[in-house]
Protein backbone atom coordinates (compact mmCIF):
# COMPACT_ATOMS: atom_id res chain seq x y z
CA UNK A 1 -17.14 -1.80 -55.53
CA UNK A 2 -14.52 0.82 -54.80
CA UNK A 3 -11.44 0.56 -52.62
CA UNK A 4 -11.63 1.32 -48.87
CA UNK A 5 -9.08 3.89 -47.80
CA UNK A 6 -6.75 3.47 -44.85
CA UNK A 7 -9.01 5.53 -42.59
CA UNK A 8 -11.66 2.83 -42.88
CA UNK A 9 -14.63 4.60 -44.46
CA UNK A 10 -17.81 2.56 -43.93
CA UNK A 11 -18.75 0.29 -46.80
CA UNK A 12 -22.36 1.40 -46.64
CA UNK A 13 -21.40 5.05 -47.24
CA UNK A 14 -19.40 3.99 -50.25
CA UNK A 15 -22.15 1.82 -51.70
CA UNK A 16 -24.85 4.44 -51.11
CA UNK A 17 -22.69 7.13 -52.68
CA UNK A 18 -22.13 4.87 -55.65
CA UNK A 19 -25.84 4.08 -55.91
CA UNK A 20 -26.66 7.77 -55.83
CA UNK A 21 -24.50 8.48 -58.84
CA UNK A 22 -27.19 8.19 -61.50
CA UNK A 23 -26.30 10.40 -64.43
CA UNK A 24 -22.90 11.47 -63.08
CA UNK A 25 -19.91 12.18 -65.27
CA UNK A 26 -18.64 8.62 -65.07
CA UNK A 27 -20.88 5.58 -65.19
CA UNK A 28 -20.08 3.25 -62.30
CA UNK A 29 -19.01 -0.28 -63.11
CA UNK A 30 -19.84 -3.55 -61.40
CA UNK A 31 -18.44 -6.99 -62.13
CA UNK A 32 -20.85 -9.83 -61.44
CA UNK A 33 -19.30 -13.28 -61.10
CA UNK A 34 -21.78 -16.04 -61.89
CA UNK A 35 -24.78 -16.16 -64.24
CA UNK A 36 -27.11 -18.03 -61.91
CA UNK A 37 -30.46 -16.73 -60.72
CA UNK A 38 -29.02 -14.25 -58.21
CA UNK A 39 -26.32 -13.06 -60.62
CA UNK A 40 -28.76 -12.26 -63.42
CA UNK A 41 -31.14 -10.58 -61.00
CA UNK A 42 -28.52 -8.32 -59.42
CA UNK A 43 -27.51 -7.21 -62.93
CA UNK A 44 -31.10 -5.99 -63.43
CA UNK A 45 -30.94 -4.09 -60.16
CA UNK A 46 -27.62 -2.41 -61.05
CA UNK A 47 -28.77 -1.54 -64.56
CA UNK A 48 -31.93 -0.01 -63.03
CA UNK A 49 -29.66 2.58 -61.44
CA UNK A 50 -27.65 3.00 -64.66
CA UNK A 51 -24.49 1.11 -63.84
CA UNK A 52 -22.23 -0.53 -66.37
CA UNK A 53 -22.12 -4.28 -65.66
CA UNK A 54 -19.64 -6.95 -66.67
CA UNK A 55 -20.84 -10.54 -66.38
CA UNK A 56 -18.17 -13.13 -65.67
CA UNK A 57 -19.26 -16.65 -66.48
CA UNK A 58 -17.31 -19.31 -68.31
CA UNK A 59 -20.37 -20.32 -70.38
CA UNK A 60 -22.19 -17.11 -71.31
CA UNK A 61 -20.01 -14.19 -70.19
CA UNK A 62 -16.41 -13.08 -69.93
CA UNK A 63 -14.36 -16.10 -68.85
CA UNK A 64 -12.96 -16.16 -65.31
CA UNK A 65 -9.47 -16.29 -66.87
CA UNK A 66 -10.02 -13.18 -69.01
CA UNK A 67 -11.87 -11.25 -66.30
CA UNK A 68 -8.66 -9.95 -64.72
CA UNK A 69 -8.21 -7.65 -67.70
CA UNK A 70 -11.56 -5.99 -66.91
CA UNK A 71 -10.87 -5.23 -63.24
CA UNK A 72 -9.52 -1.75 -63.84
CA UNK A 73 -12.18 0.78 -62.88
CA UNK A 74 -14.47 -1.80 -61.24
CA UNK A 75 -16.35 -0.17 -58.36
CA UNK A 76 -18.21 -3.24 -57.14
CA UNK A 77 -17.41 -6.97 -57.37
CA UNK A 78 -20.47 -9.16 -56.75
CA UNK A 79 -19.75 -12.87 -56.20
CA UNK A 80 -22.50 -15.44 -56.59
CA UNK A 81 -22.80 -17.56 -53.43
CA UNK A 82 -22.02 -20.96 -54.95
CA UNK A 83 -18.69 -19.87 -56.43
CA UNK A 84 -15.65 -20.87 -54.33
CA UNK A 85 -12.79 -18.55 -53.43
CA UNK A 86 -10.76 -19.26 -56.55
CA UNK A 87 -7.85 -17.48 -58.26
CA UNK A 88 -10.02 -14.67 -59.68
CA UNK A 89 -11.43 -13.83 -56.25
CA UNK A 90 -7.92 -13.82 -54.77
CA UNK A 91 -6.77 -11.37 -57.46
CA UNK A 92 -9.78 -9.12 -56.81
CA UNK A 93 -8.96 -9.02 -53.10
CA UNK A 94 -5.28 -8.40 -53.84
CA UNK A 95 -6.25 -5.35 -55.91
CA UNK A 96 -8.05 -3.94 -52.87
CA UNK A 97 -11.54 -4.40 -54.33
CA UNK A 98 -14.08 -5.46 -51.75
CA UNK A 99 -16.00 -8.62 -52.60
CA UNK A 100 -19.72 -8.42 -51.79
CA UNK A 101 -22.72 -10.55 -52.63
CA UNK A 102 -26.20 -10.05 -54.03
CA UNK A 103 -27.69 -9.87 -50.51
CA UNK A 104 -25.45 -6.94 -49.54
CA UNK A 105 -26.11 -4.98 -52.74
CA UNK A 106 -29.86 -5.58 -52.52
CA UNK A 107 -30.02 -4.54 -48.87
CA UNK A 108 -28.31 -1.22 -49.54
CA UNK A 109 -30.61 -0.55 -52.49
CA UNK A 110 -33.69 -1.46 -50.43
CA UNK A 111 -32.80 0.75 -47.50
CA UNK A 112 -32.42 3.70 -49.86
CA UNK A 113 -35.65 3.11 -51.79
CA UNK A 114 -38.28 1.57 -49.47
CA UNK A 115 -39.49 0.98 -45.92
CA UNK A 116 -39.78 -2.78 -46.34
CA UNK A 117 -38.60 -4.82 -43.34
CA UNK A 118 -36.47 -7.97 -43.35
CA UNK A 119 -37.12 -11.27 -41.59
CA UNK A 120 -33.97 -13.36 -42.06
CA UNK A 121 -33.91 -17.13 -41.57
CA UNK A 122 -31.03 -19.58 -41.59
CA UNK A 123 -30.18 -22.96 -40.12
CA UNK A 124 -28.95 -26.36 -41.23
CA UNK A 125 -32.45 -27.80 -41.62
CA UNK A 126 -35.97 -26.41 -41.90
CA UNK A 127 -35.21 -22.99 -43.30
CA UNK A 128 -37.12 -23.47 -46.57
CA UNK A 129 -40.26 -24.73 -44.84
CA UNK A 130 -40.05 -21.96 -42.24
CA UNK A 131 -39.47 -19.24 -44.83
CA UNK A 132 -42.22 -20.27 -47.23
CA UNK A 133 -44.83 -20.97 -44.56
CA UNK A 134 -44.06 -17.77 -42.64
CA UNK A 135 -44.54 -15.69 -45.79
CA UNK A 136 -47.76 -17.59 -46.45
CA UNK A 137 -49.06 -16.96 -42.94
CA UNK A 138 -48.25 -13.24 -43.08
CA UNK A 139 -50.09 -12.93 -46.38
CA UNK A 140 -53.05 -14.84 -44.91
CA UNK A 141 -53.07 -12.23 -42.14
CA UNK A 142 -53.16 -9.38 -44.68
CA UNK A 143 -49.49 -8.46 -44.26
CA UNK A 144 -47.96 -8.10 -47.72
CA UNK A 145 -44.94 -10.45 -47.80
CA UNK A 146 -42.73 -12.48 -50.13
CA UNK A 147 -40.39 -15.42 -49.54
CA UNK A 148 -37.04 -14.69 -51.20
CA UNK A 149 -33.34 -15.43 -51.11
CA UNK A 150 -32.16 -19.03 -51.19
CA UNK A 151 -35.75 -20.22 -51.60
CA UNK A 152 -35.97 -19.21 -55.27
CA UNK A 153 -36.95 -15.56 -55.80
CA UNK A 154 -33.74 -13.51 -55.57
CA UNK A 155 -33.67 -10.75 -52.95
CA UNK A 156 -32.61 -8.30 -55.67
CA UNK A 157 -35.74 -9.13 -57.67
CA UNK A 158 -37.99 -8.55 -54.65
CA UNK A 159 -36.47 -5.16 -53.78
CA UNK A 160 -36.96 -3.87 -57.30
CA UNK A 161 -40.69 -3.89 -56.53
CA UNK A 162 -40.05 -1.06 -54.05
CA UNK A 163 -42.78 -0.81 -51.38
CA UNK A 164 -44.94 -3.64 -52.73
CA UNK A 165 -44.08 -5.71 -49.63
CA UNK A 166 -44.19 -4.87 -45.95
CA UNK A 167 -41.87 -7.78 -45.21
CA UNK A 168 -39.36 -9.74 -47.25
CA UNK A 169 -38.87 -13.14 -45.61
CA UNK A 170 -35.32 -14.13 -46.56
CA UNK A 171 -33.97 -17.66 -46.49
CA UNK A 172 -30.19 -17.32 -46.30
CA UNK A 173 -27.66 -20.11 -46.74
CA UNK A 174 -24.24 -19.93 -45.14
CA UNK A 175 -22.82 -19.02 -48.57
CA UNK A 176 -25.18 -16.03 -48.76
CA UNK A 177 -24.11 -14.95 -45.29
CA UNK A 178 -20.52 -14.46 -46.46
CA UNK A 179 -19.26 -11.13 -47.78
CA UNK A 180 -21.80 -9.09 -45.81
CA UNK A 181 -20.96 -5.77 -44.19
CA UNK A 182 -24.00 -3.58 -43.55
CA UNK A 183 -26.85 -6.06 -43.95
CA UNK A 184 -29.26 -6.02 -40.99
CA UNK A 185 -32.44 -7.97 -40.32
CA UNK A 186 -35.34 -6.59 -38.32
CA UNK A 187 -36.06 -10.14 -37.12
CA UNK A 188 -33.40 -12.88 -37.36
CA UNK A 189 -33.26 -16.55 -36.40
CA UNK A 190 -31.14 -19.69 -36.65
CA UNK A 191 -33.42 -22.71 -36.60
CA UNK A 192 -30.76 -25.28 -35.75
CA UNK A 193 -27.11 -26.13 -36.40
CA UNK A 194 -25.41 -29.37 -37.44
CA UNK A 195 -22.16 -29.97 -39.40
CA UNK A 196 -22.47 -29.24 -43.12
CA UNK A 197 -20.52 -27.88 -46.11
CA UNK A 198 -17.13 -28.93 -44.76
CA UNK A 199 -15.90 -28.96 -48.36
CA UNK A 200 -16.21 -25.14 -48.10
CA UNK A 201 -15.34 -24.41 -44.46
CA UNK A 202 -12.23 -25.54 -42.60
CA UNK A 203 -14.31 -26.95 -39.73
CA UNK A 204 -17.82 -26.97 -38.26
CA UNK A 205 -17.08 -23.95 -36.05
CA UNK A 206 -16.33 -21.78 -39.08
CA UNK A 207 -19.61 -22.91 -40.63
CA UNK A 208 -21.55 -22.14 -37.41
CA UNK A 209 -19.88 -18.74 -37.04
CA UNK A 210 -20.83 -17.85 -40.62
CA UNK A 211 -24.46 -18.68 -39.82
CA UNK A 212 -24.36 -16.09 -37.03
CA UNK A 213 -23.85 -13.32 -39.59
CA UNK A 214 -27.67 -13.50 -39.80
CA UNK A 215 -27.75 -11.19 -36.76
CA UNK A 216 -24.96 -8.82 -37.75
CA UNK A 217 -25.51 -5.11 -37.12
CA UNK A 218 -28.66 -5.70 -35.07
CA UNK A 219 -29.35 -3.54 -32.03
CA UNK A 220 -31.81 -3.62 -29.14
CA UNK A 221 -34.62 -2.44 -31.43
CA UNK A 222 -34.28 -5.61 -33.54
CA UNK A 223 -35.39 -9.16 -32.65
CA UNK A 224 -33.45 -12.43 -32.60
CA UNK A 225 -35.28 -15.70 -31.94
CA UNK A 226 -32.97 -18.14 -30.15
CA UNK A 227 -33.45 -21.92 -30.15
CA UNK A 228 -32.25 -22.67 -26.62
CA UNK A 229 -32.28 -26.42 -27.40
CA UNK A 230 -29.32 -25.88 -29.76
CA UNK A 231 -25.97 -26.37 -28.02
CA UNK A 232 -23.92 -24.62 -30.72
CA UNK A 233 -26.41 -21.75 -30.79
CA UNK A 234 -26.23 -21.27 -27.02
CA UNK A 235 -22.40 -21.25 -27.18
CA UNK A 236 -22.59 -18.13 -29.34
CA UNK A 237 -25.12 -15.99 -27.46
CA UNK A 238 -22.50 -13.28 -27.02
CA UNK A 239 -22.71 -12.67 -30.76
CA UNK A 240 -26.37 -11.61 -30.55
CA UNK A 241 -27.11 -7.90 -30.08
CA UNK A 242 -30.81 -7.99 -30.93
CA UNK A 243 -33.51 -8.41 -28.32
CA UNK A 244 -33.70 -12.17 -27.62
CA UNK A 245 -36.91 -14.19 -27.72
CA UNK A 246 -36.32 -17.76 -26.53
CA UNK A 247 -37.78 -20.87 -28.15
CA UNK A 248 -37.73 -24.52 -27.06
CA UNK A 249 -39.29 -27.92 -27.71
CA UNK A 250 -37.88 -29.18 -24.41
CA UNK A 251 -38.82 -26.68 -21.71
CA UNK A 252 -40.91 -23.65 -20.85
CA UNK A 253 -39.74 -20.70 -22.88
CA UNK A 254 -41.05 -17.57 -24.62
CA UNK A 255 -42.21 -19.84 -27.46
CA UNK A 256 -42.90 -23.45 -26.48
CA UNK A 257 -45.28 -26.42 -26.44
CA UNK A 258 -46.96 -27.75 -23.32
CA UNK A 259 -49.75 -30.35 -23.07
CA UNK A 260 -50.45 -30.27 -26.82
CA UNK A 261 -50.81 -26.49 -26.89
CA UNK A 262 -48.47 -23.88 -28.33
CA UNK A 263 -47.66 -20.87 -26.14
CA UNK A 264 -46.15 -17.45 -26.77
CA UNK A 265 -44.94 -15.60 -23.67
CA UNK A 266 -47.22 -17.60 -21.38
CA UNK A 267 -50.38 -17.22 -23.48
CA UNK A 268 -51.97 -20.08 -25.39
CA UNK A 269 -51.96 -19.51 -29.14
CA UNK A 270 -53.41 -22.75 -30.55
CA UNK A 271 -53.60 -26.50 -30.07
CA UNK A 272 -51.15 -28.61 -32.07
CA UNK A 273 -53.18 -31.79 -32.72
CA UNK A 274 -54.59 -30.62 -36.06
CA UNK A 275 -51.40 -29.21 -37.60
CA UNK A 276 -51.06 -30.42 -41.19
CA UNK A 277 -47.24 -30.45 -41.03
CA UNK A 278 -46.30 -33.56 -39.05
CA UNK A 279 -43.17 -34.58 -37.17
CA UNK A 280 -40.98 -33.12 -34.45
CA UNK A 281 -38.79 -31.28 -36.98
CA UNK A 282 -41.87 -29.51 -38.40
CA UNK A 283 -43.05 -28.62 -34.90
CA UNK A 284 -39.76 -26.82 -34.36
CA UNK A 285 -40.26 -24.93 -37.64
CA UNK A 286 -43.80 -24.03 -36.55
CA UNK A 287 -42.54 -22.56 -33.27
CA UNK A 288 -40.38 -20.14 -35.26
CA UNK A 289 -43.24 -19.31 -37.62
CA UNK A 290 -45.62 -18.59 -34.73
CA UNK A 291 -42.98 -16.63 -32.84
CA UNK A 292 -42.49 -14.24 -35.74
CA UNK A 293 -46.24 -14.02 -36.35
CA UNK A 294 -46.83 -12.92 -32.78
CA UNK A 295 -43.94 -10.44 -32.87
CA UNK A 296 -45.60 -8.71 -35.84
CA UNK A 297 -49.12 -8.91 -34.39
CA UNK A 298 -50.93 -11.76 -36.20
CA UNK A 299 -54.19 -12.94 -34.53
CA UNK A 300 -54.32 -16.39 -32.97
CA UNK A 301 -57.30 -17.48 -35.09
CA UNK A 302 -55.42 -16.74 -38.31
CA UNK A 303 -52.41 -18.71 -37.05
CA UNK A 304 -54.52 -21.74 -36.09
CA UNK A 305 -56.45 -21.91 -39.35
CA UNK A 306 -53.30 -21.53 -41.44
CA UNK A 307 -51.36 -24.26 -39.61
CA UNK A 308 -54.27 -26.69 -39.90
CA UNK A 309 -54.57 -26.24 -43.67
CA UNK A 310 -51.12 -25.53 -45.10
CA UNK A 311 -49.50 -28.28 -47.20
CA UNK A 312 -46.00 -29.75 -47.11
CA UNK A 313 -43.46 -28.53 -49.67
CA UNK A 314 -42.49 -30.35 -52.84
CA UNK A 315 -39.25 -32.33 -52.40
CA UNK A 316 -39.48 -32.25 -48.58
CA UNK A 317 -40.86 -35.52 -47.16
CA UNK A 318 -43.30 -35.51 -50.08
CA UNK A 319 -45.41 -38.68 -50.23
CA UNK A 320 -46.26 -38.37 -53.90
CA UNK A 321 -47.19 -41.85 -55.13
CA UNK A 322 -48.42 -45.25 -53.92
CA UNK A 323 -48.07 -48.44 -55.98
CA UNK A 324 -50.03 -51.59 -55.22
CA UNK A 325 -49.55 -55.16 -56.36
CA UNK A 326 -50.83 -58.51 -55.09
CA UNK A 327 -48.27 -58.73 -52.28
CA UNK A 328 -47.91 -55.26 -50.91
CA UNK A 329 -48.28 -51.50 -51.08
CA UNK A 330 -45.23 -49.39 -51.94
CA UNK A 331 -45.10 -45.73 -50.89
CA UNK A 332 -42.62 -43.41 -52.60
CA UNK A 333 -41.27 -40.45 -50.62
CA UNK A 334 -39.42 -37.60 -52.33
CA UNK A 335 -37.10 -35.97 -49.80
CA UNK A 336 -34.61 -34.59 -52.32
CA UNK A 337 -34.43 -31.46 -50.12
CA UNK A 338 -32.66 -33.69 -47.55
CA UNK A 339 -29.23 -32.28 -48.42
CA UNK A 340 -27.38 -32.97 -45.17
CA UNK A 341 -26.88 -35.82 -42.72
CA UNK A 342 -29.18 -34.49 -40.03
CA UNK A 343 -32.19 -34.10 -42.33
CA UNK A 344 -31.79 -37.60 -43.76
CA UNK A 345 -31.44 -39.18 -40.32
CA UNK A 346 -34.70 -37.51 -39.31
CA UNK A 347 -36.36 -38.71 -42.50
CA UNK A 348 -35.22 -42.30 -41.92
CA UNK A 349 -36.61 -42.20 -38.38
CA UNK A 350 -40.04 -41.22 -39.65
CA UNK A 351 -40.63 -44.60 -41.32
CA UNK A 352 -40.47 -48.28 -40.36
CA UNK A 353 -37.45 -49.87 -42.09
CA UNK A 354 -37.53 -47.85 -45.33
CA UNK A 355 -35.55 -48.63 -48.47
CA UNK A 356 -33.20 -45.63 -48.72
CA UNK A 357 -31.83 -43.98 -51.88
CA UNK A 358 -28.86 -41.93 -50.78
CA UNK A 359 -25.78 -40.10 -52.09
CA UNK A 360 -24.53 -37.15 -54.11
CA UNK A 361 -21.69 -34.70 -53.58
CA UNK A 362 -18.94 -35.44 -51.06
CA UNK A 363 -18.95 -32.58 -48.53
CA UNK A 364 -16.09 -34.08 -46.46
CA UNK A 365 -18.42 -34.71 -43.52
CA UNK A 366 -18.00 -37.28 -40.77
CA UNK A 367 -20.48 -39.93 -41.92
CA UNK A 368 -20.59 -42.08 -38.77
CA UNK A 369 -23.95 -40.79 -37.41
CA UNK A 370 -25.68 -41.48 -40.75
CA UNK A 371 -24.00 -44.87 -41.13
CA UNK A 372 -25.19 -45.92 -37.67
CA UNK A 373 -28.73 -44.74 -38.44
CA UNK A 374 -28.79 -46.71 -41.71
CA UNK A 375 -27.51 -49.83 -39.94
CA UNK A 376 -30.16 -49.50 -37.24
CA UNK A 377 -33.19 -48.48 -39.30
CA UNK A 378 -32.87 -49.09 -43.07
CA UNK A 379 -33.96 -52.29 -44.86
CA UNK A 380 -31.84 -51.76 -47.98
CA UNK A 381 -29.76 -48.88 -49.27
CA UNK A 382 -29.30 -47.78 -52.88
CA UNK A 383 -26.26 -45.53 -53.36
CA UNK A 384 -25.81 -42.89 -56.06
CA UNK A 385 -23.37 -40.17 -56.99
CA UNK A 386 -19.88 -39.15 -55.93
CA UNK A 387 -20.39 -40.17 -52.30
CA UNK A 388 -21.50 -43.75 -53.09
CA UNK A 389 -18.10 -45.52 -52.75
CA UNK A 390 -17.39 -43.91 -49.38
CA UNK A 391 -20.86 -44.74 -48.05
CA UNK A 392 -20.53 -48.35 -49.18
CA UNK A 393 -17.08 -48.68 -47.60
CA UNK A 394 -18.24 -47.30 -44.25
CA UNK A 395 -21.41 -49.41 -44.22
CA UNK A 396 -19.35 -52.56 -44.71
CA UNK A 397 -17.01 -51.54 -41.88
CA UNK A 398 -19.96 -51.54 -39.44
CA UNK A 399 -21.16 -54.91 -40.82
CA UNK A 400 -24.23 -53.68 -42.64
CA UNK A 401 -25.20 -56.68 -44.82
CA UNK A 402 -23.43 -56.52 -48.16
CA UNK A 403 -26.46 -58.09 -49.88
CA UNK A 404 -28.55 -55.06 -48.84
CA UNK A 405 -26.17 -52.50 -50.39
CA UNK A 406 -26.77 -51.57 -54.04
CA UNK A 407 -24.17 -49.16 -55.43
CA UNK A 408 -26.00 -48.08 -58.58
CA UNK A 409 -24.35 -44.72 -59.45
CA UNK A 410 -27.50 -43.14 -60.94
CA UNK A 411 -31.19 -42.76 -60.11
CA UNK A 412 -32.08 -44.36 -63.43
CA UNK A 413 -30.22 -47.58 -62.52
CA UNK A 414 -31.77 -47.56 -59.05
CA UNK A 415 -35.28 -47.42 -60.48
CA UNK A 416 -34.60 -50.17 -63.04
CA UNK A 417 -33.48 -52.48 -60.22
CA UNK A 418 -36.36 -51.56 -57.91
CA UNK A 419 -38.90 -52.02 -60.69
CA UNK A 420 -37.62 -55.52 -61.36
CA UNK A 421 -37.61 -56.52 -57.67
CA UNK A 422 -41.01 -55.04 -56.85
CA UNK A 423 -42.80 -56.36 -59.92
CA UNK A 424 -41.22 -59.80 -59.41
CA UNK A 425 -42.72 -59.65 -55.91
CA UNK A 426 -39.37 -60.08 -54.14
CA UNK A 427 -40.83 -58.12 -51.23
CA UNK A 428 -43.63 -59.71 -49.22
CA UNK A 429 -44.47 -56.75 -46.95
CA UNK A 430 -45.53 -53.13 -47.47
CA UNK A 431 -42.62 -50.85 -48.33
CA UNK A 432 -41.54 -47.25 -48.10
CA UNK A 433 -38.98 -46.14 -50.68
CA UNK A 434 -37.32 -42.95 -49.51
CA UNK A 435 -35.14 -40.68 -51.62
CA UNK A 436 -33.24 -38.70 -48.99
CA UNK A 437 -29.72 -38.12 -50.34
CA UNK A 438 -28.06 -36.59 -47.22
CA UNK A 439 -26.04 -34.28 -49.43
CA UNK A 440 -26.23 -31.82 -52.30
CA UNK A 441 -26.95 -32.74 -55.90
CA UNK A 442 -24.41 -30.86 -58.00
CA UNK A 443 -22.34 -33.91 -59.01
CA UNK A 444 -25.24 -35.14 -61.18
CA UNK A 445 -28.02 -32.53 -61.15
CA UNK A 446 -28.46 -28.76 -61.39
CA UNK A 447 -30.30 -28.63 -58.07
CA UNK A 448 -32.16 -30.69 -55.49
CA UNK A 449 -35.36 -29.68 -57.32
CA UNK A 450 -34.15 -31.27 -60.56
CA UNK A 451 -33.09 -34.40 -58.65
CA UNK A 452 -36.53 -34.65 -57.02
CA UNK A 453 -38.41 -34.09 -60.28
CA UNK A 454 -36.37 -36.75 -62.08
CA UNK A 455 -37.00 -39.20 -59.24
CA UNK A 456 -40.75 -38.58 -59.42
CA UNK A 457 -40.74 -38.89 -63.20
CA UNK A 458 -38.90 -42.21 -63.06
CA UNK A 459 -41.23 -43.58 -60.39
CA UNK A 460 -44.31 -42.72 -62.43
CA UNK A 461 -42.79 -44.18 -65.60
CA UNK A 462 -41.84 -47.46 -63.91
CA UNK A 463 -44.87 -47.94 -61.68
CA UNK A 464 -47.78 -46.38 -63.51
CA UNK A 465 -50.90 -48.44 -62.78
CA UNK A 466 -52.25 -50.30 -65.79
CA UNK A 467 -55.98 -49.95 -66.39
């Protein structure tokens, strides 16, 4: 990234001019901070256009301490989304170097090299399901699409395939919506908003405002799907410049449900009784999926068939194993993707008195709503990770029975205890054991996927049926 002069030249002009400079007298230089998936992928993109790249990573690249010495001549500083605003970032900003992210770099490259359109999705809950299923539906309709961004495939990897896709369906976290300048989605949406990541943001309002960067730079030719049931979303309507399509589970709207049928702008699209994705939260996701499908011209028959046959995602309310003994049946649910309070409260409410495995990183959130839900609806709670002591303390304050709280620190210890209790037939009724941590995994695991896979592995090891 280069410096912006006092006359305020547009960042996009600068980036495009830099991207154009293949084979110039001086090779352009980019510093990439973070060797995660997006960091490695954006290096490939920049090297494709013959840039010099410097990787900053304390494990496999230049250390963040030594990186200051390499800042001279840096044209572009690309920060990976999970990295906080530490001393190195502050020094970069002080030098007048603009900090951007992989999403911004990829967007500018894409707009120069292809006609692919962007569908951008964010929200506190449901964005992964919505992103993956929307891409699946578009492909089922013959519209070449890929799910990318926070869902796994980096945006920069998808854009390197030039015009292979008609649409890139981007899941964007709040972290990925920082450090954007010229990014613009053809269709944007915020599924819902609830407090999250308050270890990163000074308050919930800052988090919500960051989410609204999803619609930045849109104009009346672009589309923004608005969940009118969301109070915090409706408070910020003045930030939306795209053409609004309204969506609601509660009332008649552009996209809505009435008498077990789903409607788009007053016309019936399909019945909802046979949808394979169950639950009110999934119905909300489906409304967004169908809304986008109709905006891009997908036939009703294709929509109906897809929604009746698509399967739930791994790690999201995944009923993956059932164990039976003489006394009862035990169902194991992997909801490792439940990384915030709202998603875990919804998961708890899906089952009758589940045994809950909960905990992970401390995001500095107000835990009262979750604590009340556990008190009301959870049979026993097994606590893991950094957040465990705080959860235990707050549960005891509201008089949740101490005998039903197991502060076990790790999933391994949880499963050893549960194996003993279940095989000793301490439980006389059928059970649901629900891993829904209510927070992120990085205190003990690389990702929620790793946490979910380890949980499933432990369950199968402890409860494998003997022939």
